[in-house]
C-alpha atoms as a PDB file:
ATOM      1  CA  MET A   1      -0.132  12.853  31.891  1.00  0.00           C
ATOM      2  CA  ASN A   2      -1.226   9.388  29.549  1.00  0.00           C
ATOM      3  CA  PRO A   3      -1.702   9.820  25.827  1.00  0.00           C
ATOM      4  CA  LEU A   4      -4.282   8.930  23.876  1.00  0.00           C
ATOM      5  CA  PRO A   5      -5.222   4.986  23.222  1.00  0.00           C
ATOM      6  CA  PRO A   6      -5.046   3.522  20.401  1.00  0.00           C
ATOM      7  CA  VAL A   7      -8.011   3.507  17.582  1.00  0.00           C
ATOM      8  CA  ASN A   8      -8.904  -0.166  16.909  1.00  0.00           C
ATOM      9  CA  ALA A   9     -10.343   0.104  13.424  1.00  0.00           C
ATOM     10  CA  VAL A  10      -9.790  -3.423  11.968  1.00  0.00           C
ATOM     11  CA  PRO A  11     -13.557  -4.140  13.418  1.00  0.00           C
ATOM     12  CA  LEU A  12     -15.899  -1.294  12.370  1.00  0.00           C
ATOM     13  CA  PHE A  13     -14.278  -1.740   8.665  1.00  0.00           C
ATOM     14  CA  PRO A  14     -16.752  -4.406   7.201  1.00  0.00           C
ATOM     15  CA  GLU A  15     -19.634  -2.458   9.335  1.00  0.00           C
ATOM     16  CA  GLU A  16     -18.925   0.506   7.000  1.00  0.00           C
ATOM     17  CA  ARG A  17     -18.173  -1.457   3.619  1.00  0.00           C
ATOM     18  CA  ALA A  18     -22.152  -2.911   4.770  1.00  0.00           C
ATOM     19  CA  ALA A  19     -23.111   0.650   4.196  1.00  0.00           C
ATOM     20  CA  LEU A  20     -21.391   1.861   1.597  1.00  0.00           C
ATOM     21  CA  LEU A  21     -22.435  -0.524   0.157  1.00  0.00           C
ATOM     22  CA  ASP A  22     -26.287  -0.913   1.013  1.00  0.00           C
ATOM     23  CA  VAL A  23     -26.697   2.981  -0.003  1.00  0.00           C
ATOM     24  CA  LEU A  24     -25.201   2.215  -3.887  1.00  0.00           C
ATOM     25  CA  SER A  25     -27.506  -0.429  -3.718  1.00  0.00           C
ATOM     26  CA  SER A  26     -30.510   2.180  -3.632  1.00  0.00           C
ATOM     27  CA  LEU A  27     -28.482   4.514  -6.571  1.00  0.00           C
ATOM     28  CA  GLY A  28     -30.776   4.807  -9.912  1.00  0.00           C
ATOM     29  CA  GLY A  29     -29.283   5.250 -12.955  1.00  0.00           C
ATOM     30  CA  ALA A  30     -28.594   9.381 -13.265  1.00  0.00           C
ATOM     31  CA  ASP A  31     -27.541   9.092  -9.156  1.00  0.00           C
ATOM     32  CA  TRP A  32     -24.191   8.177 -10.081  1.00  0.00           C
ATOM     33  CA  SER A  33     -23.576  10.988 -11.761  1.00  0.00           C
ATOM     34  CA  ARG A  34     -24.012  13.148  -9.551  1.00  0.00           C
ATOM     35  CA  ASP A  35     -21.818  16.271  -8.840  1.00  0.00           C
ATOM     36  CA  THR A  36     -19.572  16.306  -4.995  1.00  0.00           C
ATOM     37  CA  SER A  37     -17.774  18.292  -3.585  1.00  0.00           C
ATOM     38  CA  CYS A  38     -14.584  17.165  -4.865  1.00  0.00           C
ATOM     39  CA  PRO A  39     -14.606  19.077  -8.329  1.00  0.00           C
ATOM     40  CA  GLY A  40     -14.499  17.618 -11.040  1.00  0.00           C
ATOM     41  CA  TRP A  41     -15.573  14.002  -9.543  1.00  0.00           C
ATOM     42  CA  SER A  42     -19.458  12.098  -9.661  1.00  0.00           C
ATOM     43  CA  LEU A  43     -20.112  10.249  -7.419  1.00  0.00           C
ATOM     44  CA  LYS A  44     -19.717   7.133  -9.092  1.00  0.00           C
ATOM     45  CA  ASP A  45     -15.627   9.144  -9.552  1.00  0.00           C
ATOM     46  CA  ILE A  46     -15.904   8.368  -6.162  1.00  0.00           C
ATOM     47  CA  ALA A  47     -16.122   5.630  -5.585  1.00  0.00           C
ATOM     48  CA  VAL A  48     -14.094   3.832  -8.284  1.00  0.00           C
ATOM     49  CA  HIS A  49     -10.909   6.166  -6.066  1.00  0.00           C
ATOM     50  CA  LEU A  50     -12.954   4.117  -3.012  1.00  0.00           C
ATOM     51  CA  LEU A  51     -11.782   0.664  -4.961  1.00  0.00           C
ATOM     52  CA  SER A  52      -8.506   2.453  -5.553  1.00  0.00           C
ATOM     53  CA  ASP A  53      -8.078   2.641  -2.086  1.00  0.00           C
ATOM     54  CA  ASP A  54      -8.899  -1.294  -1.774  1.00  0.00           C
ATOM     55  CA  LEU A  55      -6.605  -2.841  -4.024  1.00  0.00           C
ATOM     56  CA  GLY A  56      -3.388  -0.063  -4.056  1.00  0.00           C
ATOM     57  CA  ARG A  57      -3.037  -1.641   0.364  1.00  0.00           C
ATOM     58  CA  LEU A  58      -3.268  -5.089  -1.138  1.00  0.00           C
ATOM     59  CA  SER A  59      -1.566  -4.609  -4.413  1.00  0.00           C
ATOM     60  CA  GLY A  60       1.256  -2.913  -1.980  1.00  0.00           C
ATOM     61  CA  GLY A  61       0.593  -4.020   1.932  1.00  0.00           C
ATOM     62  CA  ARG A  62      -0.202  -7.304   1.356  1.00  0.00           C
ATOM     63  CA  ASP A  63       1.689  -8.158  -1.573  1.00  0.00           C
ATOM     64  CA  LYS A  64       4.365  -5.618  -1.494  1.00  0.00           C
ATOM     65  CA  HIS A  65       3.918  -4.799  -4.753  1.00  0.00           C
ATOM     66  CA  ARG A  66       6.294  -1.440  -4.961  1.00  0.00           C
ATOM     67  CA  SER A  67       5.655  -0.477  -8.880  1.00  0.00           C
ATOM     68  CA  GLY A  68       3.632   1.906  -9.036  1.00  0.00           C
ATOM     69  CA  HIS A  69       3.818   3.916  -5.684  1.00  0.00           C
ATOM     70  CA  PHE A  70       4.857   7.047  -3.900  1.00  0.00           C
ATOM     71  CA  ALA A  71       8.433   8.469  -3.876  1.00  0.00           C
ATOM     72  CA  PRO A  72       9.168  10.822  -1.422  1.00  0.00           C
ATOM     73  CA  SER A  73      11.535  13.113  -3.790  1.00  0.00           C
ATOM     74  CA  ALA A  74      11.427  13.620  -7.620  1.00  0.00           C
ATOM     75  CA  ALA A  75      13.231  12.111  -8.959  1.00  0.00           C
ATOM     76  CA  GLY A  76      11.174   9.411  -7.670  1.00  0.00           C
ATOM     77  CA  ALA A  77       8.317  10.347  -9.445  1.00  0.00           C
ATOM     78  CA  PRO A  78       7.254   8.616 -12.527  1.00  0.00           C
ATOM     79  CA  PRO A  79       7.234  10.014 -16.722  1.00  0.00           C
ATOM     80  CA  GLY A  80       4.593  13.064 -15.957  1.00  0.00           C
ATOM     81  CA  ALA A  81       4.872  14.280 -12.769  1.00  0.00           C
ATOM     82  CA  ILE A  82       4.759  17.837 -12.203  1.00  0.00           C
ATOM     83  CA  ALA A  83       7.300  18.943  -9.712  1.00  0.00           C
ATOM     84  CA  ALA A  84       7.007  20.859  -6.313  1.00  0.00           C
ATOM     85  CA  SER A  85       8.451  23.177  -3.954  1.00  0.00           C
ATOM     86  CA  SER A  86       9.121  20.479  -1.094  1.00  0.00           C
ATOM     87  CA  PRO A  87       8.539  16.494  -0.369  1.00  0.00           C
ATOM     88  CA  GLU A  88       4.687  16.979   1.584  1.00  0.00           C
ATOM     89  CA  ARG A  89       3.604  18.911  -1.916  1.00  0.00           C
ATOM     90  CA  PHE A  90       5.273  15.761  -3.971  1.00  0.00           C
ATOM     91  CA  GLU A  91       3.161  13.557  -2.357  1.00  0.00           C
ATOM     92  CA  VAL A  92      -0.009  16.084  -2.760  1.00  0.00           C
ATOM     93  CA  ASN A  93       1.328  16.225  -6.550  1.00  0.00           C
ATOM     94  CA  PHE A  94       1.843  13.071  -7.280  1.00  0.00           C
ATOM     95  CA  VAL A  95      -1.186  11.096  -5.568  1.00  0.00           C
ATOM     96  CA  ASN A  96      -2.840  13.553  -7.115  1.00  0.00           C
ATOM     97  CA  ARG A  97      -2.503  12.295 -10.258  1.00  0.00           C
ATOM     98  CA  GLN A  98      -2.471   8.765  -9.702  1.00  0.00           C
ATOM     99  CA  ASN A  99      -5.955   9.142  -8.625  1.00  0.00           C
ATOM    100  CA  GLU A 100      -6.973  11.335 -11.281  1.00  0.00           C
ATOM    101  CA  LEU A 101      -5.329   8.526 -13.859  1.00  0.00           C
ATOM    102  CA  TRP A 102      -7.441   5.673 -11.838  1.00  0.00           C
ATOM    103  CA  VAL A 103     -10.366   7.830 -12.012  1.00  0.00           C
ATOM    104  CA  GLU A 104     -10.077   8.166 -15.566  1.00  0.00           C
ATOM    105  CA  ALA A 105      -9.484   5.142 -16.356  1.00  0.00           C
ATOM    106  CA  THR A 106     -12.305   2.737 -14.751  1.00  0.00           C
ATOM    107  CA  ARG A 107     -14.987   5.202 -15.756  1.00  0.00           C
ATOM    108  CA  ARG A 108     -15.848   2.450 -18.187  1.00  0.00           C
ATOM    109  CA  LEU A 109     -17.495   0.257 -15.278  1.00  0.00           C
ATOM    110  CA  SER A 110     -20.608   0.137 -14.974  1.00  0.00           C
ATOM    111  CA  PRO A 111     -21.792   0.620 -11.306  1.00  0.00           C
ATOM    112  CA  ARG A 112     -23.323  -3.109 -10.885  1.00  0.00           C
ATOM    113  CA  VAL A 113     -19.361  -4.233 -11.643  1.00  0.00           C
ATOM    114  CA  LEU A 114     -18.218  -1.400  -9.255  1.00  0.00           C
ATOM    115  CA  THR A 115     -20.587  -2.053  -6.279  1.00  0.00           C
ATOM    116  CA  GLY A 116     -19.095  -6.111  -6.889  1.00  0.00           C
ATOM    117  CA  LEU A 117     -15.804  -5.017  -6.983  1.00  0.00           C
ATOM    118  CA  LEU A 118     -16.096  -2.983  -3.272  1.00  0.00           C
ATOM    119  CA  ARG A 119     -17.085  -5.746  -2.213  1.00  0.00           C
ATOM    120  CA  TRP A 120     -14.974  -8.541  -2.711  1.00  0.00           C
ATOM    121  CA  SER A 121     -12.329  -5.958  -2.542  1.00  0.00           C
ATOM    122  CA  GLY A 122     -13.996  -4.422   1.482  1.00  0.00           C
ATOM    123  CA  GLU A 123     -13.439  -8.967   2.166  1.00  0.00           C
ATOM    124  CA  GLN A 124      -9.745  -9.144   0.971  1.00  0.00           C
ATOM    125  CA  THR A 125      -8.754  -6.050   2.818  1.00  0.00           C
ATOM    126  CA  GLN A 126     -10.852  -6.739   5.588  1.00  0.00           C
ATOM    127  CA  SER A 127      -8.861 -10.451   5.771  1.00  0.00           C
ATOM    128  CA  TYR A 128      -5.431  -7.854   5.347  1.00  0.00           C
ATOM    129  CA  TRP A 129      -6.286  -5.691   9.003  1.00  0.00           C
ATOM    130  CA  GLU A 130      -6.665  -8.642  10.708  1.00  0.00           C
ATOM    131  CA  SER A 131      -3.303 -10.381   9.559  1.00  0.00           C
ATOM    132  CA  LEU A 132      -1.959  -7.428  10.984  1.00  0.00           C
ATOM    133  CA  ASP A 133       0.544  -6.060  13.684  1.00  0.00           C
ATOM    134  CA  LEU A 134      -1.142  -3.016  14.579  1.00  0.00           C
ATOM    135  CA  ASP A 135       1.170  -2.423  17.273  1.00  0.00           C
ATOM    136  CA  ALA A 136       3.698  -2.723  15.612  1.00  0.00           C
ATOM    137  CA  ILE A 137       6.214   0.355  13.896  1.00  0.00           C
ATOM    138  CA  GLY A 138       5.281   1.183  10.299  1.00  0.00           C
ATOM    139  CA  GLY A 139       5.798   3.758   8.025  1.00  0.00           C
ATOM    140  CA  PRO A 140       4.506   7.939   9.236  1.00  0.00           C
ATOM    141  CA  VAL A 141       1.271   8.586   8.673  1.00  0.00           C
ATOM    142  CA  SER A 142       1.727  12.087   6.805  1.00  0.00           C
ATOM    143  CA  TRP A 143      -0.788  15.109   8.034  1.00  0.00           C
ATOM    144  CA  ALA A 144       0.007  13.982  11.300  1.00  0.00           C
ATOM    145  CA  GLY A 145       3.747  14.012  11.565  1.00  0.00           C
ATOM    146  CA  PRO A 146       6.860  12.792   9.359  1.00  0.00           C
ATOM    147  CA  ASP A 147       7.676   9.967  12.250  1.00  0.00           C
ATOM    148  CA  PRO A 148       7.116   6.812  11.942  1.00  0.00           C
ATOM    149  CA  ALA A 149       3.944   5.730  13.945  1.00  0.00           C
ATOM    150  CA  PRO A 150       2.074   2.434  14.555  1.00  0.00           C
ATOM    151  CA  VAL A 151       0.530  -0.089  11.672  1.00  0.00           C
ATOM    152  CA  TRP A 152      -3.244   0.607  14.802  1.00  0.00           C
ATOM    153  CA  PHE A 153      -3.092   4.190  13.497  1.00  0.00           C
ATOM    154  CA  ASP A 154      -2.634   3.455   9.829  1.00  0.00           C
ATOM    155  CA  VAL A 155      -5.023   1.479   9.489  1.00  0.00           C
ATOM    156  CA  ALA A 156      -7.170   3.916  11.410  1.00  0.00           C
ATOM    157  CA  ARG A 157      -6.288   6.660   8.478  1.00  0.00           C
ATOM    158  CA  GLU A 158      -7.588   3.961   6.098  1.00  0.00           C
ATOM    159  CA  LEU A 159     -11.229   3.831   7.960  1.00  0.00           C
ATOM    160  CA  THR A 160     -11.494   7.270   8.101  1.00  0.00           C
ATOM    161  CA  GLU A 161     -10.193   7.724   4.835  1.00  0.00           C
ATOM    162  CA  ARG A 162     -13.040   5.536   3.458  1.00  0.00           C
ATOM    163  CA  TRP A 163     -15.321   7.459   5.789  1.00  0.00           C
ATOM    164  CA  LEU A 164     -14.996  10.767   4.510  1.00  0.00           C
ATOM    165  CA  HIS A 165     -15.641   9.279   0.374  1.00  0.00           C
ATOM    166  CA  GLN A 166     -19.021   7.391   1.844  1.00  0.00           C
ATOM    167  CA  GLN A 167     -20.039  10.856   3.353  1.00  0.00           C
ATOM    168  CA  GLN A 168     -19.482  13.022   0.257  1.00  0.00           C
ATOM    169  CA  ILE A 169     -21.008  10.029  -1.443  1.00  0.00           C
ATOM    170  CA  ARG A 170     -24.731  10.077   1.164  1.00  0.00           C
ATOM    171  CA  GLU A 171     -23.673  13.727   0.371  1.00  0.00           C
ATOM    172  CA  SER A 172     -24.025  13.762  -2.668  1.00  0.00           C
ATOM    173  CA  ALA A 173     -26.680  11.057  -3.143  1.00  0.00           C
ATOM    174  CA  ASP A 174     -28.997  12.689  -0.448  1.00  0.00           C
ATOM    175  CA  ILE A 175     -28.490  10.325   1.819  1.00  0.00           C
ATOM    176  CA  PRO A 176     -27.865  10.961   5.458  1.00  0.00           C
ATOM    177  CA  PRO A 177     -24.389  10.647   7.171  1.00  0.00           C
ATOM    178  CA  LEU A 178     -23.140   8.134   8.603  1.00  0.00           C
ATOM    179  CA  TYR A 179     -22.785   8.597  12.333  1.00  0.00           C
ATOM    180  CA  ASP A 180     -23.419   5.799  13.966  1.00  0.00           C
ATOM    181  CA  PRO A 181     -21.426   6.649  16.969  1.00  0.00           C
ATOM    182  CA  HIS A 182     -19.552   3.094  17.283  1.00  0.00           C
ATOM    183  CA  ILE A 183     -17.426   4.845  13.873  1.00  0.00           C
ATOM    184  CA  PHE A 184     -17.717   8.423  14.210  1.00  0.00           C
ATOM    185  CA  ILE A 185     -15.807   8.443  17.497  1.00  0.00           C
ATOM    186  CA  PRO A 186     -13.303   6.096  16.427  1.00  0.00           C
ATOM    187  CA  VAL A 187     -13.355   8.192  13.265  1.00  0.00           C
ATOM    188  CA  LEU A 188     -12.919  11.769  15.395  1.00  0.00           C
ATOM    189  CA  ASP A 189     -10.412  10.157  17.532  1.00  0.00           C
ATOM    190  CA  THR A 190      -7.942   9.470  14.421  1.00  0.00           C
ATOM    191  CA  PHE A 191      -8.585  12.709  13.364  1.00  0.00           C
ATOM    192  CA  ALA A 192      -7.678  14.869  16.451  1.00  0.00           C
ATOM    193  CA  ARG A 193      -4.138  12.968  16.136  1.00  0.00           C
ATOM    194  CA  ALA A 194      -3.606  15.985  13.437  1.00  0.00           C
ATOM    195  CA  LEU A 195      -3.416  18.431  16.495  1.00  0.00           C
ATOM    196  CA  PRO A 196       0.398  18.134  17.505  1.00  0.00           C
ATOM    197  CA  HIS A 197       1.206  18.603  14.167  1.00  0.00           C
ATOM    198  CA  THR A 198      -1.209  21.322  13.286  1.00  0.00           C
ATOM    199  CA  PHE A 199       0.700  22.925  16.618  1.00  0.00           C
ATOM    200  CA  ARG A 200       4.580  22.309  16.341  1.00  0.00           C
ATOM    201  CA  SER A 201       4.868  26.058  14.701  1.00  0.00           C
ATOM    202  CA  THR A 202       2.598  27.769  17.349  1.00  0.00           C
ATOM    203  CA  ASP A 203       5.451  28.259  20.793  1.00  0.00           C
ATOM    204  CA  ALA A 204       4.067  28.439  24.012  1.00  0.00           C
ATOM    205  CA  PRO A 205       4.539  28.623  28.063  1.00  0.00           C
ATOM    206  CA  GLU A 206       5.695  24.801  29.559  1.00  0.00           C
ATOM    207  CA  GLY A 207       2.047  23.267  30.746  1.00  0.00           C
ATOM    208  CA  THR A 208      -0.225  25.109  28.133  1.00  0.00           C
ATOM    209  CA  LEU A 209      -3.199  23.197  27.680  1.00  0.00           C
ATOM    210  CA  VAL A 210      -5.618  23.765  24.887  1.00  0.00           C
ATOM    211  CA  HIS A 211      -9.256  21.867  25.370  1.00  0.00           C
ATOM    212  CA  LEU A 212     -11.160  21.041  22.558  1.00  0.00           C
ATOM    213  CA  ALA A 213     -14.649  18.846  22.731  1.00  0.00           C
ATOM    214  CA  ILE A 214     -17.346  18.119  20.281  1.00  0.00           C
ATOM    215  CA  THR A 215     -21.172  17.852  21.056  1.00  0.00           C
ATOM    216  CA  GLU A 216     -22.968  16.306  19.161  1.00  0.00           C
ATOM    217  CA  VAL A 217     -21.249  13.380  17.929  1.00  0.00           C
ATOM    218  CA  GLY A 218     -23.338  10.641  16.788  1.00  0.00           C
ATOM    219  CA  ALA A 219     -27.667  10.006  15.345  1.00  0.00           C
ATOM    220  CA  PRO A 220     -30.496   9.762  15.288  1.00  0.00           C
ATOM    221  CA  ARG A 221     -29.725   9.806  19.971  1.00  0.00           C
ATOM    222  CA  PRO A 222     -26.593  11.700  20.102  1.00  0.00           C
ATOM    223  CA  VAL A 223     -23.847  10.473  23.271  1.00  0.00           C
ATOM    224  CA  GLY A 224     -24.081  12.672  25.637  1.00  0.00           C
ATOM    225  CA  ALA A 225     -21.452  13.880  27.256  1.00  0.00           C
ATOM    226  CA  PRO A 226     -18.845  15.547  24.807  1.00  0.00           C
ATOM    227  CA  LEU A 227     -15.462  13.864  23.732  1.00  0.00           C
ATOM    228  CA  ARG A 228     -12.700  15.668  24.998  1.00  0.00           C
ATOM    229  CA  TYR A 229      -9.795  16.207  23.463  1.00  0.00           C
ATOM    230  CA  ASP A 230      -6.465  17.764  25.181  1.00  0.00           C
ATOM    231  CA  LEU A 231      -3.588  19.192  23.213  1.00  0.00           C
ATOM    232  CA  ILE A 232      -0.832  20.460  26.831  1.00  0.00           C
ATOM    233  CA  ARG A 233       3.241  21.751  25.646  1.00  0.00           C
ATOM    234  CA  ASP A 234       5.369  19.413  27.000  1.00  0.00           C
ATOM    235  CA  ALA A 235       9.408  19.337  26.987  1.00  0.00           C
ATOM    236  CA  GLY A 236       9.030  22.313  24.135  1.00  0.00           C
ATOM    237  CA  ALA A 237       6.796  19.837  22.352  1.00  0.00           C
ATOM    238  CA  TRP A 238       2.502  19.750  21.565  1.00  0.00           C
ATOM    239  CA  ARG A 239       1.242  16.628  23.277  1.00  0.00           C
ATOM    240  CA  LEU A 240      -2.061  14.901  22.851  1.00  0.00           C
ATOM    241  CA  VAL A 241      -3.416  13.327  26.203  1.00  0.00           C
ATOM    242  CA  GLN A 242      -6.495  12.225  27.905  1.00  0.00           C
ATOM    243  CA  PRO A 243      -8.178  14.637  29.593  1.00  0.00           C
ATOM    244  CA  LEU A 244      -6.203  17.395  32.824  1.00  0.00           C
ATOM    245  CA  ASP A 245      -8.206  18.350  35.609  1.00  0.00           C
ATOM    246  CA  SER A 246      -5.737  22.098  34.511  1.00  0.00           C
ATOM    247  CA  GLU A 247      -7.783  25.737  33.834  1.00  0.00           C
ATOM    248  CA  PRO A 248      -7.259  24.937  30.096  1.00  0.00           C
ATOM    249  CA  ASP A 249      -5.984  28.509  28.414  1.00  0.00           C
ATOM    250  CA  ALA A 250      -8.284  28.332  25.560  1.00  0.00           C
ATOM    251  CA  VAL A 251     -11.143  26.053  25.275  1.00  0.00           C
ATOM    252  CA  VAL A 252     -13.036  25.180  21.350  1.00  0.00           C
ATOM    253  CA  THR A 253     -16.405  23.866  21.404  1.00  0.00           C
ATOM    254  CA  THR A 254     -17.817  22.529  18.369  1.00  0.00           C
ATOM    255  CA  ASP A 255     -20.362  20.282  17.629  1.00  0.00           C
ATOM    256  CA  GLY A 256     -18.998  16.770  15.404  1.00  0.00           C
ATOM    257  CA  ASP A 257     -20.549  17.654  11.921  1.00  0.00           C
ATOM    258  CA  THR A 258     -18.476  20.470  11.829  1.00  0.00           C
ATOM    259  CA  ALA A 259     -15.306  18.920  13.561  1.00  0.00           C
ATOM    260  CA  TRP A 260     -14.967  16.119  11.227  1.00  0.00           C
ATOM    261  CA  ARG A 261     -15.497  19.226   8.215  1.00  0.00           C
ATOM    262  CA  VAL A 262     -12.148  21.406   9.859  1.00  0.00           C
ATOM    263  CA  PHE A 263     -10.180  17.912   9.440  1.00  0.00           C
ATOM    264  CA  THR A 264     -11.077  17.667   5.992  1.00  0.00           C
ATOM    265  CA  LYS A 265     -11.625  20.673   4.835  1.00  0.00           C
ATOM    266  CA  GLY A 266     -14.322  20.790   4.565  1.00  0.00           C
ATOM    267  CA  ILE A 267     -15.571  23.976   5.676  1.00  0.00           C
ATOM    268  CA  ALA A 268     -13.963  27.528   5.500  1.00  0.00           C
ATOM    269  CA  LYS A 269     -12.195  28.179   8.699  1.00  0.00           C
ATOM    270  CA  ALA A 270     -14.543  31.590   9.464  1.00  0.00           C
ATOM    271  CA  ASP A 271     -17.875  29.422   9.370  1.00  0.00           C
ATOM    272  CA  ALA A 272     -16.561  26.592  11.803  1.00  0.00           C
ATOM    273  CA  ILE A 273     -15.895  29.348  13.596  1.00  0.00           C
ATOM    274  CA  ALA A 274     -18.935  31.346  13.569  1.00  0.00           C
ATOM    275  CA  LEU A 275     -20.265  28.233  14.122  1.00  0.00           C
ATOM    276  CA  SER A 276     -18.093  27.415  17.597  1.00  0.00           C
ATOM    277  CA  THR A 277     -17.574  28.365  20.294  1.00  0.00           C
ATOM    278  CA  LEU A 278     -13.836  30.096  21.433  1.00  0.00           C
ATOM    279  CA  GLU A 279     -12.646  30.635  25.305  1.00  0.00           C
ATOM    280  CA  GLY A 280      -9.677  32.037  27.112  1.00  0.00           C
ATOM    281  CA  ASP A 281      -6.779  32.716  24.336  1.00  0.00           C
ATOM    282  CA  SER A 282      -8.517  33.046  20.952  1.00  0.00           C
ATOM    283  CA  GLY A 283      -4.797  32.352  18.756  1.00  0.00           C
ATOM    284  CA  LEU A 284      -4.605  29.246  20.594  1.00  0.00           C
ATOM    285  CA  ALA A 285      -8.365  28.731  20.149  1.00  0.00           C
ATOM    286  CA  GLU A 286      -8.306  29.597  16.141  1.00  0.00           C
ATOM    287  CA  LYS A 287      -5.459  27.627  15.657  1.00  0.00           C
ATOM    288  CA  VAL A 288      -7.111  24.310  16.263  1.00  0.00           C
ATOM    289  CA  PHE A 289      -9.128  25.082  13.255  1.00  0.00           C
ATOM    290  CA  ASP A 290      -6.106  24.860  11.128  1.00  0.00           C
ATOM    291  CA  ALA A 291      -5.675  20.992  11.733  1.00  0.00           C
ATOM    292  CA  VAL A 292      -6.275  18.559   8.529  1.00  0.00           C
ATOM    293  CA  SER A 293      -6.628  14.548   8.688  1.00  0.00           C
ATOM    294  CA  ILE A 294      -6.056  14.327   5.191  1.00  0.00           C
ATOM    295  CA  ILE A 295      -3.582  14.622   2.194  1.00  0.00           C
ATOM    296  CA  ALA A 296      -3.755  17.803   1.103  1.00  0.00           C
END
């Protein structure tokens, strides 16, 4: 069994950022105040959050500036941070608090200033991504588990973050989604890495195989063959591997639009199941829809 190959997201950031800047440049004054799928956040608020993502990675990653960064215990919380029942919940609360503080502080920025800053920060972060050893081991990607992860995975996660928020901006502005296959497929490949962690408490016999097929990926001409992800129970753990010849115990077939919304909590589980085809063991098949590939 071969694991899924790494996702090299580094070459994709400039195109993703160029597409975002094209969208922002097309907006009228009133468009920046449009509501979005993020409760309480306008289209402009999501754009300033993207700037925060860039500046945070430059400050913490490139410059090793640690002030204000997340610490995995309540003892590391800044004054006023709320407590939580677990380190994972504390991380979510900390991130949410930091995000709200940033958005509130930057609402005074004009759309022109914000767009210029995003152009600059995109260029700076691209230089940073290109400087990294993608095969080195870094910190964990929390939604995929607590273990240290390769740097390429962390960088790919950053691409999914930016892609997701661009989708939210596009939806708010009634602009077609960014479904170009050479960007969308790596995003889905990265999101799918949440599946072993999703199934971590699901017991099953050795060799149990769950097959996820994602169809209609890309626009305006979707790719022909579905994307395929095989999740197998092996040595007491669940592993995501390249397609196997074995007969699956459960099969989930869904389209690309539904898939990314599942991974990012953008659709109710029941609604996603209704839009998909499930075969075989229903418990295993429905568990796929519990996957979460964001900090939430």
